[in-house]
Amino acid sequence: MEKKIMVSSLIMMILVIKSKSVDAITCEEALTRLMPGQLFLTSEAFLPISPCCLAVANINAGSTTTSICRSLCRRFQQAASGLGVSPDKAKELSQLCGVSTTVAIDPTINCDS
């Protein structure tokens, strides 16, 4: 578990350093906000916790343009592959949180469509 946290922290630092700013929300902000959902997204928790759902709602609120949505989608895909995110859990997240999202938190989706 400790190794997983260290790897996650390292990946987050790399993504923050390489982050690309988007209009209403930056990719680094979005990833940082989603950290409470990591246990759920990596299949270690049955349901997302409320801070994770709040993050999903906040990210959705900040996703105001197509450009932002595409940038966030791509960044989520990069982070998902590095963190071992379960594609099925990622697809379920917005529904379980009761949020209709404009950005898919789905590592298998085409971000350009």
N, C-alpha and C. Protein backbone atom coordinates (compact mmCIF):
# COMPACT_ATOMS: atom_id res chain seq x y z
N MET A 1 0.83 -1.20 0.00
CA MET A 1 0.00 0.00 0.00
C MET A 1 0.87 1.26 0.00
N GLU A 2 1.94 1.23 0.81
CA GLU A 2 2.82 2.39 0.90
C GLU A 2 3.49 2.67 -0.44
N LYS A 3 3.88 1.59 -1.14
CA LYS A 3 4.51 1.74 -2.45
C LYS A 3 3.54 2.36 -3.44
N LYS A 4 2.27 1.94 -3.37
CA LYS A 4 1.23 2.46 -4.27
C LYS A 4 1.03 3.96 -4.05
N ILE A 5 1.05 4.38 -2.81
CA ILE A 5 0.89 5.81 -2.49
C ILE A 5 2.08 6.60 -3.02
N MET A 6 3.28 6.04 -2.87
CA MET A 6 4.47 6.72 -3.37
C MET A 6 4.44 6.85 -4.89
N VAL A 7 4.02 5.78 -5.57
CA VAL A 7 3.93 5.81 -7.03
C VAL A 7 2.88 6.83 -7.45
N SER A 8 1.74 6.84 -6.78
CA SER A 8 0.68 7.80 -7.08
C SER A 8 1.16 9.23 -6.90
N SER A 9 1.89 9.46 -5.82
CA SER A 9 2.41 10.81 -5.56
C SER A 9 3.40 11.23 -6.63
N LEU A 10 4.25 10.31 -7.04
CA LEU A 10 5.22 10.61 -8.09
C LEU A 10 4.52 10.94 -9.40
N ILE A 11 3.53 10.15 -9.76
CA ILE A 11 2.78 10.42 -10.99
C ILE A 11 2.09 11.77 -10.91
N MET A 12 1.50 12.07 -9.77
CA MET A 12 0.82 13.36 -9.61
C MET A 12 1.82 14.51 -9.76
N MET A 13 3.02 14.37 -9.19
CA MET A 13 4.02 15.43 -9.31
C MET A 13 4.43 15.62 -10.77
N ILE A 14 4.61 14.53 -11.50
CA ILE A 14 4.97 14.62 -12.91
C ILE A 14 3.86 15.33 -13.68
N LEU A 15 2.62 14.95 -13.40
CA LEU A 15 1.50 15.56 -14.12
C LEU A 15 1.35 17.04 -13.77
N VAL A 16 1.64 17.39 -12.53
CA VAL A 16 1.56 18.80 -12.14
C VAL A 16 2.64 19.59 -12.86
N ILE A 17 3.84 19.04 -12.93
CA ILE A 17 4.94 19.73 -13.61
C ILE A 17 4.62 19.89 -15.09
N LYS A 18 4.04 18.86 -15.71
CA LYS A 18 3.76 18.89 -17.14
C LYS A 18 2.38 19.44 -17.45
N SER A 19 1.66 19.88 -16.43
CA SER A 19 0.27 20.27 -16.64
C SER A 19 0.12 21.41 -17.63
N LYS A 20 -0.97 21.36 -18.30
CA LYS A 20 -1.31 22.38 -19.28
C LYS A 20 -2.53 23.13 -18.75
N SER A 21 -2.45 24.40 -18.69
CA SER A 21 -3.55 25.18 -18.17
C SER A 21 -4.68 25.26 -19.18
N VAL A 22 -5.88 25.08 -18.68
CA VAL A 22 -7.06 25.26 -19.50
C VAL A 22 -7.91 26.33 -18.84
N ASP A 23 -8.79 26.95 -19.60
CA ASP A 23 -9.48 28.16 -19.18
C ASP A 23 -10.01 28.17 -17.75
N ALA A 24 -11.05 27.42 -17.44
CA ALA A 24 -11.70 27.54 -16.15
C ALA A 24 -11.09 26.65 -15.07
N ILE A 25 -10.44 25.58 -15.46
CA ILE A 25 -9.83 24.66 -14.51
C ILE A 25 -8.59 24.09 -15.18
N THR A 26 -7.53 23.94 -14.41
CA THR A 26 -6.32 23.36 -15.00
C THR A 26 -6.39 21.84 -14.84
N CYS A 27 -5.62 21.17 -15.66
CA CYS A 27 -5.56 19.71 -15.57
C CYS A 27 -5.01 19.29 -14.22
N GLU A 28 -4.02 20.02 -13.72
CA GLU A 28 -3.44 19.68 -12.42
C GLU A 28 -4.49 19.83 -11.31
N GLU A 29 -5.30 20.86 -11.38
CA GLU A 29 -6.37 21.05 -10.38
C GLU A 29 -7.37 19.90 -10.44
N ALA A 30 -7.73 19.51 -11.64
CA ALA A 30 -8.70 18.43 -11.79
C ALA A 30 -8.16 17.13 -11.20
N LEU A 31 -6.92 16.79 -11.51
CA LEU A 31 -6.34 15.56 -10.98
C LEU A 31 -6.19 15.60 -9.47
N THR A 32 -5.77 16.74 -8.96
CA THR A 32 -5.64 16.88 -7.52
C THR A 32 -6.99 16.73 -6.84
N ARG A 33 -8.01 17.31 -7.42
CA ARG A 33 -9.36 17.21 -6.85
C ARG A 33 -9.88 15.78 -6.86
N LEU A 34 -9.47 14.99 -7.85
CA LEU A 34 -9.94 13.61 -7.95
C LEU A 34 -9.20 12.63 -7.04
N MET A 35 -8.15 13.06 -6.38
CA MET A 35 -7.38 12.16 -5.52
C MET A 35 -8.24 11.44 -4.48
N PRO A 36 -9.26 12.06 -3.89
CA PRO A 36 -10.09 11.31 -2.94
C PRO A 36 -10.81 10.11 -3.57
N GLY A 37 -10.89 10.08 -4.88
CA GLY A 37 -11.55 8.97 -5.56
C GLY A 37 -10.61 7.86 -5.98
N GLN A 38 -9.34 8.00 -5.64
CA GLN A 38 -8.35 7.02 -6.09
C GLN A 38 -8.65 5.60 -5.61
N LEU A 39 -9.03 5.44 -4.36
CA LEU A 39 -9.31 4.09 -3.86
C LEU A 39 -10.48 3.46 -4.62
N PHE A 40 -11.49 4.24 -4.91
CA PHE A 40 -12.61 3.71 -5.68
C PHE A 40 -12.17 3.38 -7.11
N LEU A 41 -11.46 4.30 -7.74
CA LEU A 41 -11.08 4.13 -9.14
C LEU A 41 -10.10 2.99 -9.37
N THR A 42 -9.36 2.61 -8.36
CA THR A 42 -8.42 1.50 -8.49
C THR A 42 -9.01 0.21 -7.94
N SER A 43 -10.33 0.19 -7.76
CA SER A 43 -11.08 -1.00 -7.34
C SER A 43 -10.85 -1.42 -5.89
N GLU A 44 -10.29 -0.55 -5.09
CA GLU A 44 -10.06 -0.90 -3.69
C GLU A 44 -11.24 -0.52 -2.79
N ALA A 45 -12.18 0.26 -3.31
CA ALA A 45 -13.36 0.65 -2.55
C ALA A 45 -14.60 0.35 -3.38
N PHE A 46 -15.66 -0.02 -2.71
CA PHE A 46 -16.89 -0.40 -3.40
C PHE A 46 -17.63 0.82 -3.97
N LEU A 47 -17.63 1.91 -3.21
CA LEU A 47 -18.32 3.14 -3.63
C LEU A 47 -17.39 4.34 -3.46
N PRO A 48 -17.59 5.38 -4.28
CA PRO A 48 -16.79 6.60 -4.09
C PRO A 48 -17.23 7.33 -2.83
N ILE A 49 -16.27 7.98 -2.17
CA ILE A 49 -16.59 8.76 -0.98
C ILE A 49 -17.07 10.15 -1.40
N SER A 50 -17.74 10.85 -0.49
CA SER A 50 -18.34 12.15 -0.85
C SER A 50 -17.33 13.18 -1.35
N PRO A 51 -16.10 13.28 -0.81
CA PRO A 51 -15.16 14.25 -1.38
C PRO A 51 -14.84 13.95 -2.85
N CYS A 52 -14.85 12.69 -3.22
CA CYS A 52 -14.62 12.31 -4.61
C CYS A 52 -15.77 12.80 -5.48
N CYS A 53 -16.99 12.59 -5.01
CA CYS A 53 -18.17 13.04 -5.77
C CYS A 53 -18.23 14.55 -5.87
N LEU A 54 -17.84 15.23 -4.81
CA LEU A 54 -17.78 16.69 -4.85
C LEU A 54 -16.76 17.14 -5.90
N ALA A 55 -15.65 16.43 -5.98
CA ALA A 55 -14.62 16.75 -6.98
C ALA A 55 -15.17 16.56 -8.39
N VAL A 56 -15.91 15.49 -8.61
CA VAL A 56 -16.51 15.24 -9.93
C VAL A 56 -17.44 16.40 -10.30
N ALA A 57 -18.25 16.84 -9.36
CA ALA A 57 -19.17 17.96 -9.61
C ALA A 57 -18.40 19.25 -9.90
N ASN A 58 -17.34 19.51 -9.12
CA ASN A 58 -16.55 20.73 -9.32
C ASN A 58 -15.81 20.72 -10.65
N ILE A 59 -15.26 19.58 -11.02
CA ILE A 59 -14.57 19.46 -12.31
C ILE A 59 -15.57 19.68 -13.43
N ASN A 60 -16.73 19.10 -13.29
CA ASN A 60 -17.77 19.28 -14.30
C ASN A 60 -18.15 20.75 -14.44
N ALA A 61 -18.27 21.44 -13.33
CA ALA A 61 -18.63 22.86 -13.35
C ALA A 61 -17.55 23.70 -14.03
N GLY A 62 -16.29 23.29 -13.91
CA GLY A 62 -15.18 24.02 -14.51
C GLY A 62 -14.91 23.66 -15.96
N SER A 63 -15.60 22.66 -16.45
CA SER A 63 -15.41 22.19 -17.83
C SER A 63 -16.38 22.92 -18.74
N THR A 64 -16.03 24.15 -19.06
CA THR A 64 -16.98 25.04 -19.73
C THR A 64 -16.83 25.12 -21.24
N THR A 65 -15.76 24.57 -21.79
CA THR A 65 -15.58 24.63 -23.24
C THR A 65 -15.16 23.26 -23.77
N THR A 66 -15.30 23.07 -25.06
CA THR A 66 -14.87 21.82 -25.69
C THR A 66 -13.37 21.62 -25.50
N SER A 67 -12.61 22.69 -25.61
CA SER A 67 -11.16 22.62 -25.43
C SER A 67 -10.80 22.12 -24.03
N ILE A 68 -11.47 22.65 -23.02
CA ILE A 68 -11.22 22.22 -21.65
C ILE A 68 -11.57 20.74 -21.50
N CYS A 69 -12.72 20.36 -22.02
CA CYS A 69 -13.16 18.97 -21.90
C CYS A 69 -12.17 18.01 -22.55
N ARG A 70 -11.69 18.36 -23.71
CA ARG A 70 -10.73 17.49 -24.40
C ARG A 70 -9.40 17.42 -23.65
N SER A 71 -8.93 18.56 -23.15
CA SER A 71 -7.67 18.57 -22.39
C SER A 71 -7.80 17.73 -21.12
N LEU A 72 -8.90 17.89 -20.41
CA LEU A 72 -9.11 17.11 -19.19
C LEU A 72 -9.23 15.62 -19.51
N CYS A 73 -9.94 15.29 -20.56
CA CYS A 73 -10.12 13.90 -20.97
C CYS A 73 -8.75 13.26 -21.22
N ARG A 74 -7.92 13.94 -21.97
CA ARG A 74 -6.58 13.41 -22.28
C ARG A 74 -5.74 13.24 -21.01
N ARG A 75 -5.81 14.21 -20.13
CA ARG A 75 -5.03 14.14 -18.88
C ARG A 75 -5.55 13.02 -18.00
N PHE A 76 -6.87 12.83 -17.95
CA PHE A 76 -7.43 11.73 -17.17
C PHE A 76 -6.94 10.39 -17.72
N GLN A 77 -6.87 10.28 -19.04
CA GLN A 77 -6.39 9.05 -19.65
C GLN A 77 -4.94 8.78 -19.28
N GLN A 78 -4.10 9.80 -19.32
CA GLN A 78 -2.69 9.64 -18.96
C GLN A 78 -2.56 9.19 -17.50
N ALA A 79 -3.29 9.85 -16.63
CA ALA A 79 -3.21 9.53 -15.21
C ALA A 79 -3.77 8.14 -14.94
N ALA A 80 -4.85 7.78 -15.60
CA ALA A 80 -5.49 6.48 -15.38
C ALA A 80 -4.54 5.34 -15.68
N SER A 81 -3.80 5.45 -16.76
CA SER A 81 -2.89 4.35 -17.11
C SER A 81 -1.77 4.22 -16.09
N GLY A 82 -1.31 5.32 -15.54
CA GLY A 82 -0.24 5.28 -14.55
C GLY A 82 -0.68 4.86 -13.16
N LEU A 83 -1.94 5.08 -12.84
CA LEU A 83 -2.43 4.78 -11.50
C LEU A 83 -3.16 3.45 -11.40
N GLY A 84 -3.34 2.77 -12.52
CA GLY A 84 -4.05 1.49 -12.49
C GLY A 84 -5.55 1.65 -12.29
N VAL A 85 -6.11 2.68 -12.89
CA VAL A 85 -7.55 2.93 -12.76
C VAL A 85 -8.33 1.86 -13.52
N SER A 86 -9.35 1.33 -12.89
CA SER A 86 -10.24 0.37 -13.52
C SER A 86 -11.16 1.11 -14.48
N PRO A 87 -11.14 0.76 -15.78
CA PRO A 87 -12.02 1.44 -16.73
C PRO A 87 -13.50 1.34 -16.34
N ASP A 88 -13.91 0.19 -15.80
CA ASP A 88 -15.30 0.03 -15.40
C ASP A 88 -15.67 0.96 -14.25
N LYS A 89 -14.77 1.09 -13.29
CA LYS A 89 -15.02 2.00 -12.16
C LYS A 89 -15.06 3.45 -12.64
N ALA A 90 -14.16 3.81 -13.55
CA ALA A 90 -14.14 5.17 -14.07
C ALA A 90 -15.45 5.50 -14.77
N LYS A 91 -15.96 4.55 -15.54
CA LYS A 91 -17.23 4.76 -16.25
C LYS A 91 -18.40 4.93 -15.28
N GLU A 92 -18.34 4.28 -14.13
CA GLU A 92 -19.43 4.33 -13.15
C GLU A 92 -19.42 5.59 -12.28
N LEU A 93 -18.28 6.23 -12.19
CA LEU A 93 -18.08 7.29 -11.20
C LEU A 93 -19.14 8.38 -11.24
N SER A 94 -19.37 8.99 -12.38
CA SER A 94 -20.33 10.10 -12.42
C SER A 94 -21.74 9.64 -12.07
N GLN A 95 -22.12 8.46 -12.51
CA GLN A 95 -23.46 7.95 -12.20
C GLN A 95 -23.61 7.69 -10.70
N LEU A 96 -22.60 7.06 -10.09
CA LEU A 96 -22.67 6.79 -8.65
C LEU A 96 -22.66 8.08 -7.83
N CYS A 97 -22.05 9.12 -8.38
CA CYS A 97 -22.01 10.41 -7.69
C CYS A 97 -23.25 11.26 -7.99
N GLY A 98 -24.06 10.83 -8.94
CA GLY A 98 -25.26 11.59 -9.29
C GLY A 98 -24.95 12.86 -10.06
N VAL A 99 -23.88 12.83 -10.85
CA VAL A 99 -23.47 14.01 -11.62
C VAL A 99 -23.47 13.65 -13.10
N SER A 100 -24.16 14.46 -13.88
CA SER A 100 -24.14 14.29 -15.33
C SER A 100 -22.97 15.11 -15.84
N THR A 101 -21.90 14.45 -16.27
CA THR A 101 -20.67 15.15 -16.61
C THR A 101 -20.53 15.46 -18.10
N THR A 102 -19.80 16.53 -18.38
CA THR A 102 -19.47 16.88 -19.75
C THR A 102 -18.12 16.29 -20.14
N VAL A 103 -17.33 15.89 -19.15
CA VAL A 103 -16.03 15.27 -19.38
C VAL A 103 -16.12 13.82 -18.93
N ALA A 104 -15.82 12.91 -19.82
CA ALA A 104 -15.84 11.50 -19.47
C ALA A 104 -14.59 11.16 -18.66
N ILE A 105 -14.80 10.55 -17.52
CA ILE A 105 -13.68 10.05 -16.73
C ILE A 105 -13.60 8.57 -17.10
N ASP A 106 -13.08 8.34 -18.29
CA ASP A 106 -13.09 7.01 -18.89
C ASP A 106 -11.81 6.84 -19.70
N PRO A 107 -10.91 5.97 -19.26
CA PRO A 107 -9.64 5.83 -19.96
C PRO A 107 -9.74 5.20 -21.35
N THR A 108 -10.92 4.75 -21.75
CA THR A 108 -11.06 4.09 -23.05
C THR A 108 -11.79 4.92 -24.09
N ILE A 109 -12.22 6.11 -23.73
CA ILE A 109 -13.02 6.94 -24.64
C ILE A 109 -12.14 7.73 -25.62
N ASN A 110 -12.68 8.07 -26.76
CA ASN A 110 -12.00 8.93 -27.72
C ASN A 110 -12.24 10.38 -27.29
N CYS A 111 -11.20 11.04 -26.85
CA CYS A 111 -11.33 12.41 -26.33
C CYS A 111 -11.67 13.44 -27.40
N ASP A 112 -11.50 13.10 -28.65
CA ASP A 112 -11.78 14.05 -29.72
C ASP A 112 -13.22 14.02 -30.21
N SER A 113 -14.01 13.13 -29.66
CA SER A 113 -15.41 13.07 -30.11
C SER A 113 -16.36 13.62 -29.09
